[in-house]
Structure formats: structure tokens, C-alpha cells
């Protein structure tokens, strides 16, 4: 698995928007792309960066994939920040 720097991941405003949407409840790519000025494929690319940085996890349910916040990924990020 490739590893993506979580600080680079959250630097992008579209990814921050996706994270804010996911903190309420898990969502599909279609649900996440509503209201964003980017295409569904672009949303999928942003979600891949968030997955690779361990900030998001995905759960397949039937033919859909639900994305959700990964608390463990944020715990690691917070631990790094707290050292300062």
C-alpha cells in the first residue's frame, strides 16, 4: 500500500470539504460529489489520497462503497501535533 502524507492530504480544500462531510456519517462518492464543483472521478481521486493517508476508510455494502472517517488515522495525526 502506498502511503500519502496526511498533512499533504488535508492541505487541499476539496479534501477538507470531503472530511467535513464525512464527520457526520459515512457517504458514497455520489453523495460526496453533490455540491462540489468537481467531477465524481475527481472526488474518487481525492478519496484515494485520504485513504492512502489513513484519514478515511471504505466499507463495501452490496454494489456501493461507503467512505467514513478513520479515527485511528486522526489519532496518529493528533499525536504528532501534540508533541509541539
Protein backbone atom coordinates (compact mmCIF):
# COMPACT_ATOMS: atom_id res chain seq x y z
CA UNK A 1 0.00 0.00 0.00
CA UNK A 2 1.34 3.43 -0.87
CA UNK A 3 1.48 5.94 1.95
CA UNK A 4 0.33 9.52 1.43
CA UNK A 5 1.39 12.27 3.85
CA UNK A 6 -1.73 13.22 5.85
CA UNK A 7 -0.59 16.87 6.02
CA UNK A 8 -0.44 17.00 2.22
CA UNK A 9 -3.85 15.31 2.11
CA UNK A 10 -5.52 17.90 4.35
CA UNK A 11 -3.82 20.82 2.60
CA UNK A 12 -6.25 20.51 -0.31
CA UNK A 13 -9.54 22.42 0.23
CA UNK A 14 -11.60 19.79 -1.63
CA UNK A 15 -10.26 17.06 0.66
CA UNK A 16 -11.02 19.16 3.73
CA UNK A 17 -14.57 19.58 2.40
CA UNK A 18 -14.87 15.81 1.99
CA UNK A 19 -13.59 15.23 5.54
CA UNK A 20 -16.11 17.73 6.92
CA UNK A 21 -18.92 15.93 5.08
CA UNK A 22 -17.75 12.54 6.36
CA UNK A 23 -17.56 13.52 10.01
CA UNK A 24 -21.37 13.42 10.17
CA UNK A 25 -21.90 9.97 8.60
CA UNK A 26 -20.45 7.57 6.01
CA UNK A 27 -21.25 8.51 2.41
CA UNK A 28 -20.85 7.24 -1.13
CA UNK A 29 -18.84 9.04 -3.85
CA UNK A 30 -22.12 10.17 -5.42
CA UNK A 31 -23.32 11.69 -2.14
CA UNK A 32 -19.95 13.35 -1.56
CA UNK A 33 -19.79 14.83 -5.05
CA UNK A 34 -23.12 16.65 -4.64
CA UNK A 35 -22.48 20.35 -4.20
CA UNK A 36 -18.82 20.18 -5.18
CA UNK A 37 -17.57 21.92 -8.33
CA UNK A 38 -15.53 18.84 -9.28
CA UNK A 39 -16.44 15.61 -11.07
CA UNK A 40 -17.12 12.28 -9.43
CA UNK A 41 -13.83 10.88 -10.79
CA UNK A 42 -12.03 13.82 -9.16
CA UNK A 43 -13.82 13.11 -5.87
CA UNK A 44 -12.67 9.48 -6.16
CA UNK A 45 -9.06 10.64 -6.66
CA UNK A 46 -9.28 12.86 -3.58
CA UNK A 47 -10.76 9.98 -1.58
CA UNK A 48 -7.86 7.76 -2.68
CA UNK A 49 -5.40 10.30 -1.26
CA UNK A 50 -7.38 10.36 2.01
CA UNK A 51 -7.47 6.54 2.07
CA UNK A 52 -3.72 6.32 1.40
CA UNK A 53 -3.09 8.75 4.26
CA UNK A 54 -5.25 6.64 6.62
CA UNK A 55 -7.66 9.51 7.29
CA UNK A 56 -10.60 7.72 5.62
CA UNK A 57 -11.70 4.09 5.40
CA UNK A 58 -14.06 2.43 2.96
CA UNK A 59 -16.68 -0.27 3.53
CA UNK A 60 -18.33 -2.07 0.61
CA UNK A 61 -22.08 -2.65 1.05
CA UNK A 62 -23.54 -4.51 -1.91
CA UNK A 63 -22.58 -2.55 -5.01
CA UNK A 64 -21.85 0.66 -3.08
CA UNK A 65 -18.73 1.77 -1.24
CA UNK A 66 -19.24 3.89 1.86
CA UNK A 67 -16.44 6.20 2.95
CA UNK A 68 -16.03 7.22 6.60
CA UNK A 69 -13.55 9.00 8.85
CA UNK A 70 -10.81 6.71 10.16
CA UNK A 71 -10.35 7.73 13.83
CA UNK A 72 -7.03 5.86 14.10
CA UNK A 73 -5.54 7.94 11.28
CA UNK A 74 -6.57 11.16 13.00
CA UNK A 75 -5.21 9.87 16.33
CA UNK A 76 -1.77 9.49 14.72
CA UNK A 77 -2.02 12.96 13.19
CA UNK A 78 -3.09 14.47 16.53
CA UNK A 79 -0.30 12.67 18.38
CA UNK A 80 2.25 14.22 16.05
CA UNK A 81 0.75 17.71 16.52
CA UNK A 82 0.56 17.35 20.34
CA UNK A 83 4.31 16.94 20.62
CA UNK A 84 4.60 20.66 19.95
